[in-house]
Amino acid sequence: MARVKRAQIRKVRKKKLFKRAKGFFLGRKLYRQAKEHVLRAQAQEFVGRKLRKRHFRRLWTQRINAASRLHGLSYSKFIHGLKTANIDLNRKMLADLAVNDPAAFKAVVEQAKAAIS
């Protein structure tokens, strides 16, 4: 049976691990600690990607609420008006309209008002 020599792949793996641990604090330049903290950092990265989506949806909701209140509707009544008027715009697009194109947002609000009453 041939002898297995793993020195090269071990060097490559350690180099990659230490590259991921670059900038970590104190003993994170030791292999075992670096490995533990890189695994933990990757878990937190995963959670962070999910939280970012949640935070952006909250931001869009706040922007839509502020813009719709300028036109005399609360956020919930505005969304209800959009549903009854069969206007299918997601919150990201509505927030973008509210910030970048107030005239178009006003037209959407008027349609929502008409659908409610």
PDB file of N, CA and C in Angstrom:
ATOM      1  N   MET A   1       0.847  -1.181   0.000  1.00  0.00           N
ATOM      2  CA  MET A   1       0.000   0.000   0.000  1.00  0.00           C
ATOM      3  C   MET A   1       0.890   1.240   0.000  1.00  0.00           C
ATOM      4  N   ALA A   2       0.492   2.206  -0.807  1.00  0.00           N
ATOM      5  CA  ALA A   2       1.287   3.434  -0.936  1.00  0.00           C
ATOM      6  C   ALA A   2       1.129   4.303   0.299  1.00  0.00           C
ATOM      7  N   ARG A   3       2.162   5.044   0.598  1.00  0.00           N
ATOM      8  CA  ARG A   3       2.144   5.958   1.738  1.00  0.00           C
ATOM      9  C   ARG A   3       1.419   7.243   1.342  1.00  0.00           C
ATOM     10  N   VAL A   4       0.553   7.725   2.231  1.00  0.00           N
ATOM     11  CA  VAL A   4      -0.216   8.936   1.940  1.00  0.00           C
ATOM     12  C   VAL A   4       0.545  10.128   2.487  1.00  0.00           C
ATOM     13  N   LYS A   5       0.811  11.076   1.611  1.00  0.00           N
ATOM     14  CA  LYS A   5       1.512  12.287   2.022  1.00  0.00           C
ATOM     15  C   LYS A   5       0.542  13.463   1.863  1.00  0.00           C
ATOM     16  N   ARG A   6       0.253  14.154   2.974  1.00  0.00           N
ATOM     17  CA  ARG A   6      -0.775  15.185   2.957  1.00  0.00           C
ATOM     18  C   ARG A   6      -0.230  16.579   3.235  1.00  0.00           C
ATOM     19  N   ALA A   7       1.060  16.736   3.169  1.00  0.00           N
ATOM     20  CA  ALA A   7       1.654  18.020   3.570  1.00  0.00           C
ATOM     21  C   ALA A   7       1.154  19.168   2.698  1.00  0.00           C
ATOM     22  N   GLN A   8       1.065  18.947   1.415  1.00  0.00           N
ATOM     23  CA  GLN A   8       0.675  20.036   0.516  1.00  0.00           C
ATOM     24  C   GLN A   8      -0.752  20.501   0.766  1.00  0.00           C
ATOM     25  N   ILE A   9      -1.676  19.549   0.829  1.00  0.00           N
ATOM     26  CA  ILE A   9      -3.071  19.928   1.026  1.00  0.00           C
ATOM     27  C   ILE A   9      -3.259  20.552   2.399  1.00  0.00           C
ATOM     28  N   ARG A  10      -2.482  20.083   3.395  1.00  0.00           N
ATOM     29  CA  ARG A  10      -2.578  20.661   4.732  1.00  0.00           C
ATOM     30  C   ARG A  10      -2.139  22.118   4.715  1.00  0.00           C
ATOM     31  N   LYS A  11      -1.069  22.403   3.986  1.00  0.00           N
ATOM     32  CA  LYS A  11      -0.592  23.785   3.878  1.00  0.00           C
ATOM     33  C   LYS A  11      -1.640  24.668   3.203  1.00  0.00           C
ATOM     34  N   VAL A  12      -2.251  24.140   2.165  1.00  0.00           N
ATOM     35  CA  VAL A  12      -3.253  24.907   1.427  1.00  0.00           C
ATOM     36  C   VAL A  12      -4.452  25.213   2.318  1.00  0.00           C
ATOM     37  N   ARG A  13      -4.911  24.183   3.070  1.00  0.00           N
ATOM     38  CA  ARG A  13      -6.080  24.368   3.939  1.00  0.00           C
ATOM     39  C   ARG A  13      -5.794  25.360   5.058  1.00  0.00           C
ATOM     40  N   LYS A  14      -4.597  25.252   5.653  1.00  0.00           N
ATOM     41  CA  LYS A  14      -4.250  26.162   6.738  1.00  0.00           C
ATOM     42  C   LYS A  14      -4.114  27.595   6.226  1.00  0.00           C
ATOM     43  N   LYS A  15      -3.537  27.726   5.048  1.00  0.00           N
ATOM     44  CA  LYS A  15      -3.368  29.057   4.461  1.00  0.00           C
ATOM     45  C   LYS A  15      -4.731  29.700   4.200  1.00  0.00           C
ATOM     46  N   LYS A  16      -5.662  28.899   3.686  1.00  0.00           N
ATOM     47  CA  LYS A  16      -7.008  29.394   3.417  1.00  0.00           C
ATOM     48  C   LYS A  16      -7.725  29.775   4.715  1.00  0.00           C
ATOM     49  N   LEU A  17      -7.554  28.952   5.744  1.00  0.00           N
ATOM     50  CA  LEU A  17      -8.178  29.231   7.033  1.00  0.00           C
ATOM     51  C   LEU A  17      -7.624  30.515   7.632  1.00  0.00           C
ATOM     52  N   PHE A  18      -6.320  30.677   7.620  1.00  0.00           N
ATOM     53  CA  PHE A  18      -5.723  31.879   8.206  1.00  0.00           C
ATOM     54  C   PHE A  18      -6.072  33.131   7.398  1.00  0.00           C
ATOM     55  N   LYS A  19      -6.291  32.953   6.113  1.00  0.00           N
ATOM     56  CA  LYS A  19      -6.733  34.084   5.302  1.00  0.00           C
ATOM     57  C   LYS A  19      -8.131  34.537   5.735  1.00  0.00           C
ATOM     58  N   ARG A  20      -9.017  33.562   6.047  1.00  0.00           N
ATOM     59  CA  ARG A  20     -10.358  33.902   6.536  1.00  0.00           C
ATOM     60  C   ARG A  20     -10.308  34.539   7.924  1.00  0.00           C
ATOM     61  N   ALA A  21      -9.284  34.150   8.733  1.00  0.00           N
ATOM     62  CA  ALA A  21      -9.174  34.646  10.107  1.00  0.00           C
ATOM     63  C   ALA A  21      -8.362  35.936  10.186  1.00  0.00           C
ATOM     64  N   LYS A  22      -8.004  36.504   9.062  1.00  0.00           N
ATOM     65  CA  LYS A  22      -7.192  37.715   9.060  1.00  0.00           C
ATOM     66  C   LYS A  22      -7.939  38.852   9.753  1.00  0.00           C
ATOM     67  N   GLY A  23      -7.252  39.511  10.671  1.00  0.00           N
ATOM     68  CA  GLY A  23      -7.847  40.614  11.397  1.00  0.00           C
ATOM     69  C   GLY A  23      -8.532  40.201  12.684  1.00  0.00           C
ATOM     70  N   PHE A  24      -8.601  38.894  12.953  1.00  0.00           N
ATOM     71  CA  PHE A  24      -9.204  38.456  14.203  1.00  0.00           C
ATOM     72  C   PHE A  24      -8.292  38.819  15.361  1.00  0.00           C
ATOM     73  N   PHE A  25      -8.826  38.881  16.545  1.00  0.00           N
ATOM     74  CA  PHE A  25      -8.154  39.433  17.724  1.00  0.00           C
ATOM     75  C   PHE A  25      -7.394  38.358  18.503  1.00  0.00           C
ATOM     76  N   LEU A  26      -6.276  38.728  19.085  1.00  0.00           N
ATOM     77  CA  LEU A  26      -5.457  37.925  20.001  1.00  0.00           C
ATOM     78  C   LEU A  26      -5.027  36.578  19.432  1.00  0.00           C
ATOM     79  N   GLY A  27      -5.382  35.472  20.100  1.00  0.00           N
ATOM     80  CA  GLY A  27      -4.828  34.167  19.752  1.00  0.00           C
ATOM     81  C   GLY A  27      -5.447  33.527  18.542  1.00  0.00           C
ATOM     82  N   ARG A  28      -6.113  34.287  17.713  1.00  0.00           N
ATOM     83  CA  ARG A  28      -6.790  33.710  16.553  1.00  0.00           C
ATOM     84  C   ARG A  28      -5.793  33.338  15.453  1.00  0.00           C
ATOM     85  N   LYS A  29      -4.508  33.585  15.713  1.00  0.00           N
ATOM     86  CA  LYS A  29      -3.492  33.155  14.761  1.00  0.00           C
ATOM     87  C   LYS A  29      -3.009  31.747  15.082  1.00  0.00           C
ATOM     88  N   LEU A  30      -3.538  31.161  16.166  1.00  0.00           N
ATOM     89  CA  LEU A  30      -3.277  29.767  16.480  1.00  0.00           C
ATOM     90  C   LEU A  30      -4.307  28.936  15.741  1.00  0.00           C
ATOM     91  N   TYR A  31      -3.874  27.816  15.186  1.00  0.00           N
ATOM     92  CA  TYR A  31      -4.711  27.069  14.257  1.00  0.00           C
ATOM     93  C   TYR A  31      -6.053  26.669  14.867  1.00  0.00           C
ATOM     94  N   ARG A  32      -6.031  26.100  16.072  1.00  0.00           N
ATOM     95  CA  ARG A  32      -7.270  25.592  16.657  1.00  0.00           C
ATOM     96  C   ARG A  32      -8.250  26.725  16.937  1.00  0.00           C
ATOM     97  N   GLN A  33      -7.754  27.803  17.510  1.00  0.00           N
ATOM     98  CA  GLN A  33      -8.639  28.934  17.812  1.00  0.00           C
ATOM     99  C   GLN A  33      -9.144  29.585  16.536  1.00  0.00           C
ATOM    100  N   ALA A  34      -8.271  29.690  15.557  1.00  0.00           N
ATOM    101  CA  ALA A  34      -8.688  30.292  14.286  1.00  0.00           C
ATOM    102  C   ALA A  34      -9.794  29.463  13.653  1.00  0.00           C
ATOM    103  N   LYS A  35      -9.662  28.144  13.711  1.00  0.00           N
ATOM    104  CA  LYS A  35     -10.667  27.266  13.109  1.00  0.00           C
ATOM    105  C   LYS A  35     -12.021  27.438  13.800  1.00  0.00           C
ATOM    106  N   GLU A  36     -12.013  27.483  15.133  1.00  0.00           N
ATOM    107  CA  GLU A  36     -13.260  27.652  15.878  1.00  0.00           C
ATOM    108  C   GLU A  36     -13.935  28.971  15.547  1.00  0.00           C
ATOM    109  N   HIS A  37     -13.139  30.021  15.494  1.00  0.00           N
ATOM    110  CA  HIS A  37     -13.724  31.339  15.292  1.00  0.00           C
ATOM    111  C   HIS A  37     -14.135  31.580  13.850  1.00  0.00           C
ATOM    112  N   VAL A  38     -13.473  30.936  12.911  1.00  0.00           N
ATOM    113  CA  VAL A  38     -13.906  31.044  11.518  1.00  0.00           C
ATOM    114  C   VAL A  38     -15.251  30.340  11.349  1.00  0.00           C
ATOM    115  N   LEU A  39     -15.410  29.181  11.990  1.00  0.00           N
ATOM    116  CA  LEU A  39     -16.694  28.484  11.919  1.00  0.00           C
ATOM    117  C   LEU A  39     -17.806  29.335  12.521  1.00  0.00           C
ATOM    118  N   ARG A  40     -17.509  29.965  13.641  1.00  0.00           N
ATOM    119  CA  ARG A  40     -18.505  30.815  14.285  1.00  0.00           C
ATOM    120  C   ARG A  40     -18.838  32.026  13.409  1.00  0.00           C
ATOM    121  N   ALA A  41     -17.805  32.602  12.804  1.00  0.00           N
ATOM    122  CA  ALA A  41     -18.021  33.762  11.929  1.00  0.00           C
ATOM    123  C   ALA A  41     -18.882  33.390  10.732  1.00  0.00           C
ATOM    124  N   GLN A  42     -18.682  32.189  10.188  1.00  0.00           N
ATOM    125  CA  GLN A  42     -19.480  31.756   9.055  1.00  0.00           C
ATOM    126  C   GLN A  42     -20.944  31.571   9.458  1.00  0.00           C
ATOM    127  N   ALA A  43     -21.180  31.073  10.667  1.00  0.00           N
ATOM    128  CA  ALA A  43     -22.556  30.917  11.144  1.00  0.00           C
ATOM    129  C   ALA A  43     -23.217  32.282  11.291  1.00  0.00           C
ATOM    130  N   GLN A  44     -22.473  33.255  11.801  1.00  0.00           N
ATOM    131  CA  GLN A  44     -23.034  34.590  11.965  1.00  0.00           C
ATOM    132  C   GLN A  44     -23.244  35.281  10.617  1.00  0.00           C
ATOM    133  N   GLU A  45     -22.401  34.970   9.647  1.00  0.00           N
ATOM    134  CA  GLU A  45     -22.602  35.506   8.299  1.00  0.00           C
ATOM    135  C   GLU A  45     -23.938  35.040   7.737  1.00  0.00           C
ATOM    136  N   PHE A  46     -24.224  33.761   7.941  1.00  0.00           N
ATOM    137  CA  PHE A  46     -25.470  33.190   7.439  1.00  0.00           C
ATOM    138  C   PHE A  46     -26.666  33.906   8.062  1.00  0.00           C
ATOM    139  N   VAL A  47     -26.622  34.090   9.366  1.00  0.00           N
ATOM    140  CA  VAL A  47     -27.706  34.771  10.071  1.00  0.00           C
ATOM    141  C   VAL A  47     -27.823  36.209   9.575  1.00  0.00           C
ATOM    142  N   GLY A  48     -26.677  36.862   9.370  1.00  0.00           N
ATOM    143  CA  GLY A  48     -26.671  38.246   8.923  1.00  0.00           C
ATOM    144  C   GLY A  48     -27.316  38.438   7.568  1.00  0.00           C
ATOM    145  N   ARG A  49     -27.134  37.468   6.679  1.00  0.00           N
ATOM    146  CA  ARG A  49     -27.759  37.568   5.360  1.00  0.00           C
ATOM    147  C   ARG A  49     -29.277  37.511   5.476  1.00  0.00           C
ATOM    148  N   LYS A  50     -29.787  36.734   6.424  1.00  0.00           N
ATOM    149  CA  LYS A  50     -31.230  36.666   6.629  1.00  0.00           C
ATOM    150  C   LYS A  50     -31.755  37.945   7.295  1.00  0.00           C
ATOM    151  N   LEU A  51     -30.982  38.477   8.257  1.00  0.00           N
ATOM    152  CA  LEU A  51     -31.406  39.690   8.955  1.00  0.00           C
ATOM    153  C   LEU A  51     -31.435  40.901   8.030  1.00  0.00           C
ATOM    154  N   ARG A  52     -30.507  40.942   7.070  1.00  0.00           N
ATOM    155  CA  ARG A  52     -30.454  42.086   6.162  1.00  0.00           C
ATOM    156  C   ARG A  52     -31.766  42.240   5.398  1.00  0.00           C
ATOM    157  N   LYS A  53     -32.330  41.123   4.978  1.00  0.00           N
ATOM    158  CA  LYS A  53     -33.606  41.171   4.256  1.00  0.00           C
ATOM    159  C   LYS A  53     -34.718  41.726   5.156  1.00  0.00           C
ATOM    160  N   ARG A  54     -34.702  41.300   6.429  1.00  0.00           N
ATOM    161  CA  ARG A  54     -35.691  41.764   7.393  1.00  0.00           C
ATOM    162  C   ARG A  54     -35.558  43.268   7.622  1.00  0.00           C
ATOM    163  N   HIS A  55     -34.323  43.737   7.766  1.00  0.00           N
ATOM    164  CA  HIS A  55     -34.094  45.159   8.025  1.00  0.00           C
ATOM    165  C   HIS A  55     -34.523  46.025   6.838  1.00  0.00           C
ATOM    166  N   PHE A  56     -34.232  45.543   5.631  1.00  0.00           N
ATOM    167  CA  PHE A  56     -34.626  46.325   4.462  1.00  0.00           C
ATOM    168  C   PHE A  56     -36.142  46.409   4.333  1.00  0.00           C
ATOM    169  N   ARG A  57     -36.854  45.313   4.621  1.00  0.00           N
ATOM    170  CA  ARG A  57     -38.319  45.374   4.543  1.00  0.00           C
ATOM    171  C   ARG A  57     -38.874  46.374   5.548  1.00  0.00           C
ATOM    172  N   ARG A  58     -38.288  46.441   6.757  1.00  0.00           N
ATOM    173  CA  ARG A  58     -38.720  47.430   7.749  1.00  0.00           C
ATOM    174  C   ARG A  58     -38.457  48.852   7.255  1.00  0.00           C
ATOM    175  N   LEU A  59     -37.313  49.054   6.618  1.00  0.00           N
ATOM    176  CA  LEU A  59     -36.972  50.377   6.088  1.00  0.00           C
ATOM    177  C   LEU A  59     -37.961  50.798   5.008  1.00  0.00           C
ATOM    178  N   TRP A  60     -38.293  49.862   4.100  1.00  0.00           N
ATOM    179  CA  TRP A  60     -39.249  50.176   3.036  1.00  0.00           C
ATOM    180  C   TRP A  60     -40.605  50.517   3.621  1.00  0.00           C
ATOM    181  N   THR A  61     -41.021  49.778   4.639  1.00  0.00           N
ATOM    182  CA  THR A  61     -42.310  50.043   5.278  1.00  0.00           C
ATOM    183  C   THR A  61     -42.330  51.434   5.895  1.00  0.00           C
ATOM    184  N   GLN A  62     -41.256  51.823   6.558  1.00  0.00           N
ATOM    185  CA  GLN A  62     -41.191  53.153   7.168  1.00  0.00           C
ATOM    186  C   GLN A  62     -41.253  54.248   6.114  1.00  0.00           C
ATOM    187  N   ARG A  63     -40.567  54.047   5.011  1.00  0.00           N
ATOM    188  CA  ARG A  63     -40.573  55.057   3.944  1.00  0.00           C
ATOM    189  C   ARG A  63     -41.956  55.191   3.315  1.00  0.00           C
ATOM    190  N   ILE A  64     -42.606  54.051   3.085  1.00  0.00           N
ATOM    191  CA  ILE A  64     -43.948  54.083   2.495  1.00  0.00           C
ATOM    192  C   ILE A  64     -44.919  54.759   3.461  1.00  0.00           C
ATOM    193  N   ASN A  65     -44.813  54.442   4.736  1.00  0.00           N
ATOM    194  CA  ASN A  65     -45.689  55.032   5.738  1.00  0.00           C
ATOM    195  C   ASN A  65     -45.522  56.542   5.779  1.00  0.00           C
ATOM    196  N   ALA A  66     -44.280  57.012   5.802  1.00  0.00           N
ATOM    197  CA  ALA A  66     -44.033  58.460   5.856  1.00  0.00           C
ATOM    198  C   ALA A  66     -44.578  59.159   4.614  1.00  0.00           C
ATOM    199  N   ALA A  67     -44.352  58.556   3.446  1.00  0.00           N
ATOM    200  CA  ALA A  67     -44.806  59.179   2.209  1.00  0.00           C
ATOM    201  C   ALA A  67     -46.328  59.148   2.082  1.00  0.00           C
ATOM    202  N   SER A  68     -46.953  58.061   2.511  1.00  0.00           N
ATOM    203  CA  SER A  68     -48.410  57.982   2.380  1.00  0.00           C
ATOM    204  C   SER A  68     -49.103  58.905   3.380  1.00  0.00           C
ATOM    205  N   ARG A  69     -48.510  59.116   4.533  1.00  0.00           N
ATOM    206  CA  ARG A  69     -49.095  60.049   5.506  1.00  0.00           C
ATOM    207  C   ARG A  69     -49.057  61.492   5.003  1.00  0.00           C
ATOM    208  N   LEU A  70     -48.080  61.807   4.155  1.00  0.00           N
ATOM    209  CA  LEU A  70     -48.049  63.141   3.544  1.00  0.00           C
ATOM    210  C   LEU A  70     -49.273  63.366   2.663  1.00  0.00           C
ATOM    211  N   HIS A  71     -49.840  62.277   2.145  1.00  0.00           N
ATOM    212  CA  HIS A  71     -51.009  62.364   1.270  1.00  0.00           C
ATOM    213  C   HIS A  71     -52.300  61.990   1.991  1.00  0.00           C
ATOM    214  N   GLY A  72     -52.240  61.861   3.314  1.00  0.00           N
ATOM    215  CA  GLY A  72     -53.452  61.674   4.102  1.00  0.00           C
ATOM    216  C   GLY A  72     -53.909  60.243   4.305  1.00  0.00           C
ATOM    217  N   LEU A  73     -53.029  59.281   4.135  1.00  0.00           N
ATOM    218  CA  LEU A  73     -53.380  57.877   4.370  1.00  0.00           C
ATOM    219  C   LEU A  73     -52.353  57.245   5.301  1.00  0.00           C
ATOM    220  N   SER A  74     -52.819  56.376   6.188  1.00  0.00           N
ATOM    221  CA  SER A  74     -51.869  55.614   6.990  1.00  0.00           C
ATOM    222  C   SER A  74     -51.353  54.454   6.141  1.00  0.00           C
ATOM    223  N   TYR A  75     -50.301  53.828   6.619  1.00  0.00           N
ATOM    224  CA  TYR A  75     -49.685  52.725   5.875  1.00  0.00           C
ATOM    225  C   TYR A  75     -50.682  51.586   5.652  1.00  0.00           C
ATOM    226  N   SER A  76     -51.399  51.198   6.711  1.00  0.00           N
ATOM    227  CA  SER A  76     -52.295  50.041   6.590  1.00  0.00           C
ATOM    228  C   SER A  76     -53.447  50.330   5.629  1.00  0.00           C
ATOM    229  N   LYS A  77     -54.001  51.547   5.691  1.00  0.00           N
ATOM    230  CA  LYS A  77     -55.086  51.905   4.768  1.00  0.00           C
ATOM    231  C   LYS A  77     -54.577  51.991   3.332  1.00  0.00           C
ATOM    232  N   PHE A  78     -53.357  52.466   3.175  1.00  0.00           N
ATOM    233  CA  PHE A  78     -52.755  52.555   1.844  1.00  0.00           C
ATOM    234  C   PHE A  78     -52.580  51.167   1.234  1.00  0.00           C
ATOM    235  N   ILE A  79     -52.046  50.235   2.017  1.00  0.00           N
ATOM    236  CA  ILE A  79     -51.838  48.874   1.515  1.00  0.00           C
ATOM    237  C   ILE A  79     -53.187  48.209   1.222  1.00  0.00           C
ATOM    238  N   HIS A  80     -54.170  48.455   2.091  1.00  0.00           N
ATOM    239  CA  HIS A  80     -55.518  47.914   1.844  1.00  0.00           C
ATOM    240  C   HIS A  80     -56.093  48.479   0.543  1.00  0.00           C
ATOM    241  N   GLY A  81     -55.888  49.785   0.318  1.00  0.00           N
ATOM    242  CA  GLY A  81     -56.363  50.397  -0.921  1.00  0.00           C
ATOM    243  C   GLY A  81     -55.702  49.816  -2.150  1.00  0.00           C
ATOM    244  N   LEU A  82     -54.408  49.518  -2.040  1.00  0.00           N
ATOM    245  CA  LEU A  82     -53.701  48.897  -3.171  1.00  0.00           C
ATOM    246  C   LEU A  82     -54.265  47.506  -3.468  1.00  0.00           C
ATOM    247  N   LYS A  83     -54.568  46.753  -2.412  1.00  0.00           N
ATOM    248  CA  LYS A  83     -55.111  45.400  -2.608  1.00  0.00           C
ATOM    249  C   LYS A  83     -56.479  45.459  -3.280  1.00  0.00           C
ATOM    250  N   THR A  84     -57.335  46.393  -2.822  1.00  0.00           N
ATOM    251  CA  THR A  84     -58.676  46.476  -3.408  1.00  0.00           C
ATOM    252  C   THR A  84     -58.629  47.033  -4.829  1.00  0.00           C
ATOM    253  N   ALA A  85     -57.619  47.856  -5.144  1.00  0.00           N
ATOM    254  CA  ALA A  85     -57.482  48.398  -6.499  1.00  0.00           C
ATOM    255  C   ALA A  85     -56.730  47.451  -7.433  1.00  0.00           C
ATOM    256  N   ASN A  86     -56.327  46.282  -6.903  1.00  0.00           N
ATOM    257  CA  ASN A  86     -55.569  45.289  -7.683  1.00  0.00           C
ATOM    258  C   ASN A  86     -54.272  45.867  -8.248  1.00  0.00           C
ATOM    259  N   ILE A  87     -53.593  46.646  -7.454  1.00  0.00           N
ATOM    260  CA  ILE A  87     -52.284  47.174  -7.843  1.00  0.00           C
ATOM    261  C   ILE A  87     -51.231  46.303  -7.177  1.00  0.00           C
ATOM    262  N   ASP A  88     -50.432  45.624  -7.985  1.00  0.00           N
ATOM    263  CA  ASP A  88     -49.427  44.697  -7.456  1.00  0.00           C
ATOM    264  C   ASP A  88     -48.037  45.320  -7.546  1.00  0.00           C
ATOM    265  N   LEU A  89     -47.728  46.145  -6.577  1.00  0.00           N
ATOM    266  CA  LEU A  89     -46.383  46.700  -6.447  1.00  0.00           C
ATOM    267  C   LEU A  89     -45.821  46.238  -5.114  1.00  0.00           C
ATOM    268  N   ASN A  90     -44.592  45.710  -5.141  1.00  0.00           N
ATOM    269  CA  ASN A  90     -44.026  45.268  -3.874  1.00  0.00           C
ATOM    270  C   ASN A  90     -43.493  46.468  -3.090  1.00  0.00           C
ATOM    271  N   ARG A  91     -43.156  46.229  -1.833  1.00  0.00           N
ATOM    272  CA  ARG A  91     -42.767  47.325  -0.945  1.00  0.00           C
ATOM    273  C   ARG A  91     -41.474  47.991  -1.372  1.00  0.00           C
ATOM    274  N   LYS A  92     -40.593  47.225  -1.977  1.00  0.00           N
ATOM    275  CA  LYS A  92     -39.330  47.807  -2.454  1.00  0.00           C
ATOM    276  C   LYS A  92     -39.597  48.846  -3.538  1.00  0.00           C
ATOM    277  N   MET A  93     -40.465  48.513  -4.475  1.00  0.00           N
ATOM    278  CA  MET A  93     -40.783  49.433  -5.563  1.00  0.00           C
ATOM    279  C   MET A  93     -41.553  50.648  -5.049  1.00  0.00           C
ATOM    280  N   LEU A  94     -42.485  50.415  -4.113  1.00  0.00           N
ATOM    281  CA  LEU A  94     -43.239  51.529  -3.547  1.00  0.00           C
ATOM    282  C   LEU A  94     -42.322  52.495  -2.800  1.00  0.00           C
ATOM    283  N   ALA A  95     -41.369  51.965  -2.039  1.00  0.00           N
ATOM    284  CA  ALA A  95     -40.425  52.820  -1.306  1.00  0.00           C
ATOM    285  C   ALA A  95     -39.547  53.597  -2.276  1.00  0.00           C
ATOM    286  N   ASP A  96     -39.163  52.957  -3.371  1.00  0.00           N
ATOM    287  CA  ASP A  96     -38.345  53.638  -4.377  1.00  0.00           C
ATOM    288  C   ASP A  96     -39.139  54.758  -5.037  1.00  0.00           C
ATOM    289  N   LEU A  97     -40.406  54.501  -5.334  1.00  0.00           N
ATOM    290  CA  LEU A  97     -41.260  55.556  -5.889  1.00  0.00           C
ATOM    291  C   LEU A  97     -41.411  56.713  -4.907  1.00  0.00           C
ATOM    292  N   ALA A  98     -41.605  56.379  -3.637  1.00  0.00           N
ATOM    293  CA  ALA A  98     -41.811  57.417  -2.624  1.00  0.00           C
ATOM    294  C   ALA A  98     -40.602  58.332  -2.502  1.00  0.00           C
ATOM    295  N   VAL A  99     -39.411  57.774  -2.640  1.00  0.00           N
ATOM    296  CA  VAL A  99     -38.191  58.569  -2.475  1.00  0.00           C
ATOM    297  C   VAL A  99     -37.806  59.283  -3.769  1.00  0.00           C
ATOM    298  N   ASN A 100     -37.847  58.566  -4.893  1.00  0.00           N
ATOM    299  CA  ASN A 100     -37.293  59.109  -6.143  1.00  0.00           C
ATOM    300  C   ASN A 100     -38.307  59.741  -7.085  1.00  0.00           C
ATOM    301  N   ASP A 101     -39.581  59.370  -6.971  1.00  0.00           N
ATOM    302  CA  ASP A 101     -40.583  59.901  -7.899  1.00  0.00           C
ATOM    303  C   ASP A 101     -41.883  60.197  -7.141  1.00  0.00           C
ATOM    304  N   PRO A 102     -41.907  61.299  -6.383  1.00  0.00           N
ATOM    305  CA  PRO A 102     -43.088  61.599  -5.557  1.00  0.00           C
ATOM    306  C   PRO A 102     -44.369  61.784  -6.358  1.00  0.00           C
ATOM    307  N   ALA A 103     -44.266  62.269  -7.590  1.00  0.00           N
ATOM    308  CA  ALA A 103     -45.459  62.477  -8.409  1.00  0.00           C
ATOM    309  C   ALA A 103     -46.125  61.141  -8.743  1.00  0.00           C
ATOM    310  N   ALA A 104     -45.322  60.167  -9.107  1.00  0.00           N
ATOM    311  CA  ALA A 104     -45.875  58.846  -9.414  1.00  0.00           C
ATOM    312  C   ALA A 104     -46.442  58.198  -8.161  1.00  0.00           C
ATOM    313  N   PHE A 105     -45.769  58.401  -7.028  1.00  0.00           N
ATOM    314  CA  PHE A 105     -46.286  57.837  -5.774  1.00  0.00           C
ATOM    315  C   PHE A 105     -47.625  58.475  -5.417  1.00  0.00           C
ATOM    316  N   LYS A 106     -47.744  59.784  -5.676  1.00  0.00           N
ATOM    317  CA  LYS A 106     -49.004  60.468  -5.393  1.00  0.00           C
ATOM    318  C   LYS A 106     -50.127  59.880  -6.242  1.00  0.00           C
ATOM    319  N   ALA A 107     -49.833  59.569  -7.506  1.00  0.00           N
ATOM    320  CA  ALA A 107     -50.839  58.969  -8.378  1.00  0.00           C
ATOM    321  C   ALA A 107     -51.281  57.604  -7.851  1.00  0.00           C
ATOM    322  N   VAL A 108     -50.338  56.838  -7.341  1.00  0.00           N
ATOM    323  CA  VAL A 108     -50.671  55.527  -6.767  1.00  0.00           C
ATOM    324  C   VAL A 108     -51.534  55.706  -5.520  1.00  0.00           C
ATOM    325  N   VAL A 109     -51.200  56.692  -4.704  1.00  0.00           N
ATOM    326  CA  VAL A 109     -51.978  56.956  -3.484  1.00  0.00           C
ATOM    327  C   VAL A 109     -53.406  57.361  -3.848  1.00  0.00           C
ATOM    328  N   GLU A 110     -53.553  58.185  -4.870  1.00  0.00           N
ATOM    329  CA  GLU A 110     -54.896  58.597  -5.297  1.00  0.00           C
ATOM    330  C   GLU A 110     -55.728  57.405  -5.761  1.00  0.00           C
ATOM    331  N   GLN A 111     -55.102  56.481  -6.483  1.00  0.00           N
ATOM    332  CA  GLN A 111     -55.821  55.282  -6.909  1.00  0.00           C
ATOM    333  C   GLN A 111     -56.232  54.435  -5.709  1.00  0.00           C
ATOM    334  N   ALA A 112     -55.347  54.351  -4.716  1.00  0.00           N
ATOM    335  CA  ALA A 112     -55.664  53.582  -3.510  1.00  0.00           C
ATOM    336  C   ALA A 112     -56.818  54.245  -2.742  1.00  0.00           C
ATOM    337  N   LYS A 113     -56.800  55.576  -2.670  1.00  0.00           N
ATOM    338  CA  LYS A 113     -57.886  56.308  -1.992  1.00  0.00           C
ATOM    339  C   LYS A 113     -59.221  56.053  -2.705  1.00  0.00           C
ATOM    340  N   ALA A 114     -59.195  56.109  -4.028  1.00  0.00           N
ATOM    341  CA  ALA A 114     -60.420  55.899  -4.803  1.00  0.00           C
ATOM    342  C   ALA A 114     -60.953  54.482  -4.602  1.00  0.00           C
ATOM    343  N   ALA A 115     -60.080  53.517  -4.458  1.00  0.00           N
ATOM    344  CA  ALA A 115     -60.510  52.132  -4.291  1.00  0.00           C
ATOM    345  C   ALA A 115     -61.133  51.910  -2.912  1.00  0.00           C
ATOM    346  N   ILE A 116     -60.654  52.652  -1.903  1.00  0.00           N
ATOM    347  CA  ILE A 116     -61.176  52.495  -0.539  1.00  0.00           C
ATOM    348  C   ILE A 116     -62.582  53.074  -0.434  1.00  0.00           C
ATOM    349  N   SER A 117     -62.755  54.273  -0.998  1.00  0.00           N
ATOM    350  CA  SER A 117     -64.070  54.925  -0.845  1.00  0.00           C
ATOM    351  C   SER A 117     -65.010  54.658  -1.989  1.00  0.00           C
TER     352      SER A 117
END
